[in-house]
Amino acid sequence: MPGSKTRSLALLAAVGENPGGGVPSPDVIGRFHPAVDPCTLDFGDGSPRFTGRYPALATHTWTRPGTYAVTTTARDGDGNTTSWSTPVYVRPPIAPRVSVSRGRGGWTLTARLSGGDGALLAAHWVFADGSDAWGTQVRRAGAAAPRGAVTVTDGDGATATASFGS
């Protein structure tokens, strides 16, 4: 789905202490386990909240680009409640663009991108003859226009591939 992002979020781990990709770090488990009553996750996009008991894992898909504040609310066995928010960034999908121009002695190929975080970090060119090159702009010798594909990577690590030539 264009501009969508699915994330799995561990309850109580949304305090920025979620290095295990959905598994709370041991210090978070130690502070909250075992007496945590229902916890809620508000995904910040108007969708229904998720409610569960520790340990619980929620999966949610944001359907539009934007910055969403995911708010976790937890209550311990004594009735104490706390809430915190963590931003989730949903970028538009990246779309590579290739321009090919003929100059003296050959061809210049330039990669650009739109969407994503907007920063073109890398471009990997694979040509029809099996050769490859790295760079946002590369030069190729020859009379015939080059053919192949380029894979671009943005600052978030998202990749997309586009073909060029006939």
N, C-alpha and C. Protein backbone atom coordinates (compact mmCIF):
# COMPACT_ATOMS: atom_id res chain seq x y z
N MET A 1 0.86 -1.17 0.00
CA MET A 1 0.00 0.00 0.00
C MET A 1 0.91 1.23 0.00
N PRO A 2 0.78 2.15 -0.93
CA PRO A 2 1.65 3.32 -0.98
C PRO A 2 1.59 4.13 0.32
N GLY A 3 2.76 4.47 0.81
CA GLY A 3 2.84 5.31 2.00
C GLY A 3 2.40 4.61 3.26
N SER A 4 2.38 3.28 3.27
CA SER A 4 1.96 2.59 4.48
C SER A 4 3.16 2.03 5.22
N LYS A 5 2.97 1.74 6.47
CA LYS A 5 4.02 1.16 7.27
C LYS A 5 3.38 0.28 8.32
N THR A 6 3.89 -0.92 8.48
CA THR A 6 3.40 -1.82 9.52
C THR A 6 4.49 -1.96 10.55
N ARG A 7 4.14 -1.81 11.79
CA ARG A 7 5.08 -1.95 12.89
C ARG A 7 4.50 -2.85 13.94
N SER A 8 5.33 -3.67 14.54
CA SER A 8 4.95 -4.43 15.72
C SER A 8 5.52 -3.69 16.91
N LEU A 9 4.68 -3.44 17.88
CA LEU A 9 5.09 -2.66 19.05
C LEU A 9 4.84 -3.47 20.30
N ALA A 10 5.87 -3.61 21.13
CA ALA A 10 5.69 -4.29 22.40
C ALA A 10 5.15 -3.30 23.41
N LEU A 11 4.11 -3.70 24.11
CA LEU A 11 3.60 -2.85 25.18
C LEU A 11 4.72 -2.63 26.18
N LEU A 12 4.81 -1.42 26.68
CA LEU A 12 5.78 -0.99 27.67
C LEU A 12 7.16 -0.77 27.08
N ALA A 13 7.41 -1.21 25.87
CA ALA A 13 8.74 -1.05 25.31
C ALA A 13 8.81 0.17 24.41
N ALA A 14 7.72 0.90 24.29
CA ALA A 14 7.69 2.05 23.40
C ALA A 14 8.33 3.28 24.02
N VAL A 15 9.06 3.12 25.12
CA VAL A 15 9.75 4.24 25.75
C VAL A 15 11.11 4.47 25.12
N GLY A 16 11.35 3.88 23.96
CA GLY A 16 12.64 4.02 23.33
C GLY A 16 13.60 2.95 23.80
N GLU A 17 13.12 2.01 24.58
CA GLU A 17 13.95 0.92 25.06
C GLU A 17 13.49 -0.37 24.40
N ASN A 18 13.48 -0.37 23.09
CA ASN A 18 12.96 -1.50 22.35
C ASN A 18 13.99 -1.99 21.34
N PRO A 19 15.21 -2.34 21.83
CA PRO A 19 16.26 -2.70 20.89
C PRO A 19 16.05 -4.04 20.22
N GLY A 20 15.17 -4.88 20.75
CA GLY A 20 15.01 -6.22 20.22
C GLY A 20 13.91 -6.36 19.20
N GLY A 21 13.48 -5.26 18.58
CA GLY A 21 12.48 -5.35 17.53
C GLY A 21 11.15 -5.90 18.04
N GLY A 22 10.70 -5.41 19.16
CA GLY A 22 9.42 -5.85 19.69
C GLY A 22 9.52 -6.55 21.02
N VAL A 23 10.74 -6.84 21.48
CA VAL A 23 10.92 -7.50 22.77
C VAL A 23 11.46 -6.47 23.75
N PRO A 24 10.77 -6.24 24.87
CA PRO A 24 11.26 -5.25 25.83
C PRO A 24 12.63 -5.63 26.36
N SER A 25 13.45 -4.64 26.63
CA SER A 25 14.76 -4.90 27.21
C SER A 25 14.58 -5.42 28.63
N PRO A 26 15.59 -6.14 29.17
CA PRO A 26 15.44 -6.73 30.50
C PRO A 26 15.13 -5.71 31.60
N ASP A 27 15.68 -4.49 31.48
CA ASP A 27 15.40 -3.51 32.54
C ASP A 27 13.94 -3.06 32.50
N VAL A 28 13.33 -3.02 31.30
CA VAL A 28 11.91 -2.68 31.22
C VAL A 28 11.08 -3.81 31.81
N ILE A 29 11.43 -5.04 31.49
CA ILE A 29 10.70 -6.19 32.04
C ILE A 29 10.81 -6.17 33.57
N GLY A 30 12.00 -5.91 34.07
CA GLY A 30 12.22 -5.90 35.52
C GLY A 30 11.40 -4.85 36.23
N ARG A 31 11.21 -3.70 35.63
CA ARG A 31 10.46 -2.61 36.27
C ARG A 31 8.96 -2.86 36.26
N PHE A 32 8.44 -3.52 35.22
CA PHE A 32 7.00 -3.62 35.08
C PHE A 32 6.45 -5.02 35.29
N HIS A 33 7.24 -6.01 35.18
CA HIS A 33 6.75 -7.39 35.28
C HIS A 33 6.73 -7.80 36.75
N PRO A 34 5.76 -8.53 37.26
CA PRO A 34 4.68 -9.14 36.51
C PRO A 34 3.35 -8.42 36.68
N ALA A 35 3.27 -7.44 37.55
CA ALA A 35 1.96 -6.91 37.95
C ALA A 35 1.54 -5.71 37.12
N VAL A 36 1.31 -5.91 35.84
CA VAL A 36 0.83 -4.82 34.99
C VAL A 36 -0.57 -5.17 34.52
N ASP A 37 -1.51 -4.33 34.87
CA ASP A 37 -2.89 -4.51 34.44
C ASP A 37 -2.98 -4.09 32.98
N PRO A 38 -4.17 -3.96 32.44
CA PRO A 38 -4.28 -3.63 31.01
C PRO A 38 -3.46 -2.40 30.61
N CYS A 39 -2.84 -2.53 29.47
CA CYS A 39 -2.09 -1.44 28.84
C CYS A 39 -2.80 -1.11 27.53
N THR A 40 -2.70 0.13 27.09
CA THR A 40 -3.30 0.50 25.82
C THR A 40 -2.26 1.17 24.94
N LEU A 41 -2.42 1.00 23.65
CA LEU A 41 -1.63 1.70 22.64
C LEU A 41 -2.60 2.50 21.79
N ASP A 42 -2.37 3.80 21.74
CA ASP A 42 -3.11 4.68 20.83
C ASP A 42 -2.16 4.97 19.68
N PHE A 43 -2.51 4.57 18.47
CA PHE A 43 -1.61 4.65 17.34
C PHE A 43 -1.50 6.03 16.72
N GLY A 44 -2.30 6.97 17.19
CA GLY A 44 -2.18 8.36 16.75
C GLY A 44 -2.80 8.66 15.40
N ASP A 45 -3.55 7.71 14.84
CA ASP A 45 -4.14 7.94 13.53
C ASP A 45 -5.66 7.82 13.53
N GLY A 46 -6.26 7.79 14.71
CA GLY A 46 -7.71 7.70 14.80
C GLY A 46 -8.26 6.30 14.75
N SER A 47 -7.41 5.30 14.59
CA SER A 47 -7.87 3.91 14.56
C SER A 47 -8.16 3.44 15.99
N PRO A 48 -8.85 2.31 16.13
CA PRO A 48 -9.13 1.80 17.48
C PRO A 48 -7.85 1.52 18.26
N ARG A 49 -7.90 1.77 19.54
CA ARG A 49 -6.76 1.51 20.42
C ARG A 49 -6.61 0.00 20.63
N PHE A 50 -5.38 -0.38 20.91
CA PHE A 50 -5.08 -1.77 21.26
C PHE A 50 -5.00 -1.85 22.78
N THR A 51 -5.63 -2.86 23.35
CA THR A 51 -5.55 -3.09 24.80
C THR A 51 -5.10 -4.53 25.03
N GLY A 52 -4.16 -4.70 25.95
CA GLY A 52 -3.68 -6.04 26.27
C GLY A 52 -2.98 -6.06 27.61
N ARG A 53 -2.60 -7.24 28.04
CA ARG A 53 -1.84 -7.41 29.28
C ARG A 53 -0.42 -7.79 28.91
N TYR A 54 0.50 -7.44 29.78
CA TYR A 54 1.89 -7.80 29.56
C TYR A 54 2.05 -9.30 29.66
N PRO A 55 2.80 -10.00 28.83
CA PRO A 55 3.42 -9.46 27.61
C PRO A 55 2.42 -9.49 26.46
N ALA A 56 2.38 -8.45 25.69
CA ALA A 56 1.48 -8.38 24.54
C ALA A 56 2.21 -7.71 23.39
N LEU A 57 1.83 -8.05 22.19
CA LEU A 57 2.44 -7.48 20.99
C LEU A 57 1.31 -7.02 20.08
N ALA A 58 1.39 -5.78 19.66
CA ALA A 58 0.38 -5.22 18.76
C ALA A 58 1.02 -4.96 17.40
N THR A 59 0.30 -5.22 16.34
CA THR A 59 0.75 -4.90 14.99
C THR A 59 -0.24 -3.91 14.40
N HIS A 60 0.29 -2.86 13.78
CA HIS A 60 -0.57 -1.81 13.25
C HIS A 60 -0.01 -1.32 11.93
N THR A 61 -0.87 -1.00 10.99
CA THR A 61 -0.45 -0.44 9.70
C THR A 61 -0.99 0.98 9.58
N TRP A 62 -0.07 1.92 9.38
CA TRP A 62 -0.46 3.30 9.08
C TRP A 62 -0.58 3.39 7.57
N THR A 63 -1.66 3.99 7.09
CA THR A 63 -1.93 3.97 5.65
C THR A 63 -1.52 5.24 4.92
N ARG A 64 -1.10 6.26 5.67
CA ARG A 64 -0.70 7.51 5.04
C ARG A 64 0.63 7.97 5.60
N PRO A 65 1.42 8.65 4.76
CA PRO A 65 2.66 9.23 5.28
C PRO A 65 2.37 10.26 6.36
N GLY A 66 3.28 10.39 7.29
CA GLY A 66 3.13 11.38 8.35
C GLY A 66 3.92 10.96 9.57
N THR A 67 3.84 11.78 10.61
CA THR A 67 4.46 11.47 11.89
C THR A 67 3.33 11.20 12.88
N TYR A 68 3.36 10.04 13.49
CA TYR A 68 2.30 9.63 14.40
C TYR A 68 2.89 9.46 15.80
N ALA A 69 2.22 10.02 16.80
CA ALA A 69 2.62 9.84 18.19
C ALA A 69 1.89 8.61 18.73
N VAL A 70 2.63 7.53 18.95
CA VAL A 70 2.05 6.33 19.53
C VAL A 70 2.14 6.48 21.05
N THR A 71 0.98 6.48 21.70
CA THR A 71 0.93 6.71 23.14
C THR A 71 0.62 5.40 23.84
N THR A 72 1.48 5.04 24.77
CA THR A 72 1.28 3.86 25.60
C THR A 72 0.81 4.31 26.97
N THR A 73 -0.22 3.67 27.49
CA THR A 73 -0.70 3.93 28.85
C THR A 73 -0.69 2.61 29.60
N ALA A 74 -0.04 2.60 30.76
CA ALA A 74 0.08 1.38 31.56
C ALA A 74 -0.38 1.65 32.98
N ARG A 75 -0.96 0.63 33.59
CA ARG A 75 -1.40 0.72 34.99
C ARG A 75 -0.85 -0.48 35.73
N ASP A 76 -0.22 -0.24 36.88
CA ASP A 76 0.32 -1.34 37.66
C ASP A 76 -0.75 -1.90 38.60
N GLY A 77 -0.39 -2.93 39.33
CA GLY A 77 -1.32 -3.59 40.22
C GLY A 77 -1.83 -2.72 41.34
N ASP A 78 -1.14 -1.61 41.65
CA ASP A 78 -1.57 -0.69 42.70
C ASP A 78 -2.48 0.41 42.15
N GLY A 79 -2.75 0.37 40.84
CA GLY A 79 -3.61 1.39 40.24
C GLY A 79 -2.89 2.63 39.75
N ASN A 80 -1.55 2.65 39.85
CA ASN A 80 -0.78 3.78 39.34
C ASN A 80 -0.77 3.71 37.82
N THR A 81 -0.99 4.85 37.18
CA THR A 81 -1.04 4.92 35.72
C THR A 81 0.04 5.86 35.22
N THR A 82 0.65 5.48 34.11
CA THR A 82 1.61 6.35 33.44
C THR A 82 1.41 6.24 31.94
N SER A 83 1.73 7.31 31.22
CA SER A 83 1.63 7.33 29.76
C SER A 83 2.88 7.95 29.18
N TRP A 84 3.24 7.53 28.00
CA TRP A 84 4.35 8.13 27.26
C TRP A 84 4.08 7.97 25.78
N SER A 85 4.72 8.81 24.98
CA SER A 85 4.53 8.77 23.53
C SER A 85 5.86 8.58 22.83
N THR A 86 5.80 7.88 21.72
CA THR A 86 6.97 7.64 20.88
C THR A 86 6.57 7.95 19.44
N PRO A 87 7.36 8.74 18.71
CA PRO A 87 6.98 9.03 17.32
C PRO A 87 7.25 7.85 16.39
N VAL A 88 6.37 7.65 15.42
CA VAL A 88 6.58 6.71 14.33
C VAL A 88 6.51 7.53 13.06
N TYR A 89 7.54 7.40 12.22
CA TYR A 89 7.62 8.17 10.98
C TYR A 89 7.24 7.27 9.81
N VAL A 90 6.21 7.66 9.08
CA VAL A 90 5.77 6.92 7.90
C VAL A 90 6.08 7.80 6.69
N ARG A 91 7.01 7.35 5.90
CA ARG A 91 7.43 8.12 4.72
C ARG A 91 6.67 7.65 3.48
N PRO A 92 6.53 8.53 2.49
CA PRO A 92 5.98 8.06 1.22
C PRO A 92 6.96 7.08 0.59
N PRO A 93 6.48 6.13 -0.21
CA PRO A 93 7.40 5.18 -0.83
C PRO A 93 8.38 5.91 -1.75
N ILE A 94 9.59 5.36 -1.83
CA ILE A 94 10.56 6.02 -2.71
C ILE A 94 10.32 5.56 -4.15
N ALA A 95 10.58 6.48 -5.05
CA ALA A 95 10.44 6.22 -6.48
C ALA A 95 11.70 6.72 -7.18
N PRO A 96 12.48 5.80 -7.75
CA PRO A 96 13.68 6.22 -8.46
C PRO A 96 13.35 6.84 -9.81
N ARG A 97 14.17 7.81 -10.20
CA ARG A 97 14.07 8.42 -11.53
C ARG A 97 15.46 8.37 -12.16
N VAL A 98 15.49 8.06 -13.42
CA VAL A 98 16.76 7.95 -14.15
C VAL A 98 16.74 8.90 -15.32
N SER A 99 17.80 9.66 -15.47
CA SER A 99 17.96 10.44 -16.70
C SER A 99 19.21 9.93 -17.41
N VAL A 100 19.10 9.81 -18.71
CA VAL A 100 20.20 9.34 -19.55
C VAL A 100 20.44 10.40 -20.61
N SER A 101 21.67 10.89 -20.68
CA SER A 101 21.98 11.90 -21.69
C SER A 101 23.26 11.51 -22.41
N ARG A 102 23.26 11.84 -23.70
CA ARG A 102 24.42 11.53 -24.53
C ARG A 102 25.34 12.75 -24.57
N GLY A 103 26.61 12.48 -24.40
CA GLY A 103 27.61 13.54 -24.48
C GLY A 103 28.77 13.08 -25.33
N ARG A 104 29.81 13.88 -25.31
CA ARG A 104 31.00 13.49 -26.07
C ARG A 104 31.62 12.26 -25.44
N GLY A 105 31.78 11.23 -26.22
CA GLY A 105 32.45 10.02 -25.76
C GLY A 105 31.56 9.04 -25.01
N GLY A 106 30.28 9.31 -24.90
CA GLY A 106 29.46 8.32 -24.22
C GLY A 106 28.19 8.87 -23.59
N TRP A 107 27.81 8.27 -22.52
CA TRP A 107 26.51 8.52 -21.89
C TRP A 107 26.70 8.88 -20.41
N THR A 108 25.84 9.75 -19.92
CA THR A 108 25.81 10.08 -18.50
C THR A 108 24.46 9.64 -17.96
N LEU A 109 24.50 8.83 -16.91
CA LEU A 109 23.28 8.36 -16.26
C LEU A 109 23.22 8.97 -14.87
N THR A 110 22.08 9.54 -14.53
CA THR A 110 21.91 10.20 -13.23
C THR A 110 20.69 9.60 -12.54
N ALA A 111 20.88 9.23 -11.28
CA ALA A 111 19.78 8.70 -10.47
C ALA A 111 19.29 9.78 -9.53
N ARG A 112 17.98 9.83 -9.37
CA ARG A 112 17.34 10.72 -8.40
C ARG A 112 16.24 9.92 -7.74
N LEU A 113 15.68 10.46 -6.68
CA LEU A 113 14.54 9.80 -6.08
C LEU A 113 13.55 10.82 -5.57
N SER A 114 12.32 10.39 -5.46
CA SER A 114 11.30 11.18 -4.78
C SER A 114 10.72 10.27 -3.71
N GLY A 115 10.10 10.87 -2.72
CA GLY A 115 9.53 10.10 -1.62
C GLY A 115 10.59 9.73 -0.61
N GLY A 116 10.26 8.75 0.23
CA GLY A 116 11.17 8.34 1.29
C GLY A 116 11.53 9.52 2.17
N ASP A 117 12.76 9.53 2.65
CA ASP A 117 13.19 10.67 3.46
C ASP A 117 13.76 11.78 2.58
N GLY A 118 13.77 11.56 1.26
CA GLY A 118 14.23 12.59 0.32
C GLY A 118 15.72 12.63 0.09
N ALA A 119 16.49 11.84 0.84
CA ALA A 119 17.95 11.85 0.71
C ALA A 119 18.40 10.63 -0.09
N LEU A 120 19.03 10.86 -1.23
CA LEU A 120 19.58 9.77 -2.04
C LEU A 120 20.95 9.43 -1.48
N LEU A 121 21.05 8.26 -0.87
CA LEU A 121 22.30 7.83 -0.25
C LEU A 121 23.19 7.06 -1.19
N ALA A 122 22.60 6.18 -1.98
CA ALA A 122 23.40 5.33 -2.86
C ALA A 122 22.59 4.95 -4.09
N ALA A 123 23.32 4.66 -5.16
CA ALA A 123 22.70 4.15 -6.39
C ALA A 123 23.61 3.06 -6.94
N HIS A 124 23.03 1.89 -7.17
CA HIS A 124 23.77 0.76 -7.72
C HIS A 124 23.20 0.43 -9.10
N TRP A 125 24.03 0.57 -10.10
CA TRP A 125 23.63 0.36 -11.49
C TRP A 125 24.06 -1.04 -11.92
N VAL A 126 23.16 -1.79 -12.54
CA VAL A 126 23.49 -3.08 -13.12
C VAL A 126 23.09 -3.00 -14.59
N PHE A 127 24.09 -3.18 -15.46
CA PHE A 127 23.89 -3.00 -16.89
C PHE A 127 23.58 -4.34 -17.57
N ALA A 128 22.95 -4.27 -18.73
CA ALA A 128 22.52 -5.46 -19.46
C ALA A 128 23.70 -6.37 -19.81
N ASP A 129 24.91 -5.82 -19.93
CA ASP A 129 26.07 -6.64 -20.25
C ASP A 129 26.67 -7.33 -19.02
N GLY A 130 26.03 -7.16 -17.83
CA GLY A 130 26.50 -7.81 -16.61
C GLY A 130 27.42 -6.96 -15.75
N SER A 131 27.89 -5.85 -16.28
CA SER A 131 28.75 -4.98 -15.47
C SER A 131 27.89 -4.14 -14.52
N ASP A 132 28.55 -3.55 -13.53
CA ASP A 132 27.81 -2.71 -12.60
C ASP A 132 28.67 -1.51 -12.21
N ALA A 133 28.02 -0.55 -11.56
CA ALA A 133 28.71 0.65 -11.09
C ALA A 133 27.94 1.22 -9.91
N TRP A 134 28.64 1.95 -9.07
CA TRP A 134 28.03 2.63 -7.92
C TRP A 134 28.18 4.13 -8.10
N GLY A 135 27.18 4.88 -7.71
CA GLY A 135 27.24 6.33 -7.75
C GLY A 135 25.93 6.91 -8.21
N THR A 136 25.66 8.13 -7.77
CA THR A 136 24.41 8.77 -8.19
C THR A 136 24.49 9.23 -9.64
N GLN A 137 25.72 9.38 -10.14
CA GLN A 137 25.91 9.72 -11.55
C GLN A 137 27.08 8.89 -12.06
N VAL A 138 26.85 8.17 -13.17
CA VAL A 138 27.89 7.34 -13.77
C VAL A 138 27.99 7.64 -15.25
N ARG A 139 29.15 7.33 -15.83
CA ARG A 139 29.37 7.52 -17.26
C ARG A 139 29.65 6.18 -17.91
N ARG A 140 29.11 6.02 -19.13
CA ARG A 140 29.30 4.80 -19.90
C ARG A 140 29.73 5.18 -21.31
N ALA A 141 30.74 4.48 -21.80
CA ALA A 141 31.20 4.68 -23.17
C ALA A 141 30.34 3.83 -24.10
N GLY A 142 30.34 4.19 -25.36
CA GLY A 142 29.65 3.39 -26.36
C GLY A 142 28.67 4.20 -27.17
N ALA A 143 28.34 3.64 -28.33
CA ALA A 143 27.42 4.33 -29.23
C ALA A 143 25.97 4.08 -28.85
N ALA A 144 25.69 2.88 -28.37
CA ALA A 144 24.30 2.53 -28.03
C ALA A 144 23.97 3.00 -26.62
N ALA A 145 22.73 3.43 -26.45
CA ALA A 145 22.28 3.86 -25.11
C ALA A 145 22.34 2.67 -24.15
N PRO A 146 22.84 2.88 -22.94
CA PRO A 146 22.93 1.78 -21.98
C PRO A 146 21.55 1.31 -21.52
N ARG A 147 21.48 0.02 -21.18
CA ARG A 147 20.26 -0.58 -20.66
C ARG A 147 20.58 -1.26 -19.34
N GLY A 148 19.57 -1.37 -18.47
CA GLY A 148 19.77 -2.08 -17.21
C GLY A 148 18.80 -1.60 -16.15
N ALA A 149 19.27 -1.65 -14.90
CA ALA A 149 18.42 -1.26 -13.77
C ALA A 149 19.29 -0.55 -12.74
N VAL A 150 18.68 0.35 -12.00
CA VAL A 150 19.37 1.04 -10.91
C VAL A 150 18.54 0.85 -9.65
N THR A 151 19.22 0.55 -8.55
CA THR A 151 18.58 0.45 -7.24
C THR A 151 19.07 1.62 -6.40
N VAL A 152 18.13 2.41 -5.91
CA VAL A 152 18.49 3.57 -5.08
C VAL A 152 18.15 3.26 -3.63
N THR A 153 18.92 3.88 -2.72
CA THR A 153 18.72 3.72 -1.29
C THR A 153 18.63 5.10 -0.67
N ASP A 154 17.61 5.31 0.17
CA ASP A 154 17.48 6.60 0.83
C ASP A 154 18.08 6.54 2.23
N GLY A 155 18.02 7.66 2.94
CA GLY A 155 18.62 7.78 4.26
C GLY A 155 17.99 6.89 5.32
N ASP A 156 16.77 6.42 5.09
CA ASP A 156 16.13 5.48 6.02
C ASP A 156 16.46 4.04 5.71
N GLY A 157 17.20 3.81 4.61
CA GLY A 157 17.54 2.44 4.20
C GLY A 157 16.52 1.81 3.28
N ALA A 158 15.49 2.56 2.89
CA ALA A 158 14.50 2.03 1.93
C ALA A 158 15.12 1.97 0.54
N THR A 159 14.75 0.95 -0.23
CA THR A 159 15.30 0.79 -1.58
C THR A 159 14.17 0.64 -2.58
N ALA A 160 14.48 1.00 -3.82
CA ALA A 160 13.56 0.80 -4.94
C ALA A 160 14.41 0.68 -6.20
N THR A 161 13.88 -0.03 -7.18
CA THR A 161 14.62 -0.29 -8.41
C THR A 161 13.81 0.20 -9.61
N ALA A 162 14.52 0.77 -10.58
CA ALA A 162 13.91 1.21 -11.83
C ALA A 162 14.77 0.74 -13.00
N SER A 163 14.12 0.40 -14.08
CA SER A 163 14.82 0.01 -15.32
C SER A 163 15.08 1.24 -16.16
N PHE A 164 16.09 1.16 -17.01
CA PHE A 164 16.38 2.24 -17.95
C PHE A 164 16.81 1.62 -19.27
N GLY A 165 16.68 2.39 -20.34
CA GLY A 165 17.01 1.92 -21.69
C GLY A 165 15.86 1.13 -22.26
N SER A 166 16.09 0.57 -23.44
CA SER A 166 15.01 -0.16 -24.14
C SER A 166 14.75 -1.51 -23.55
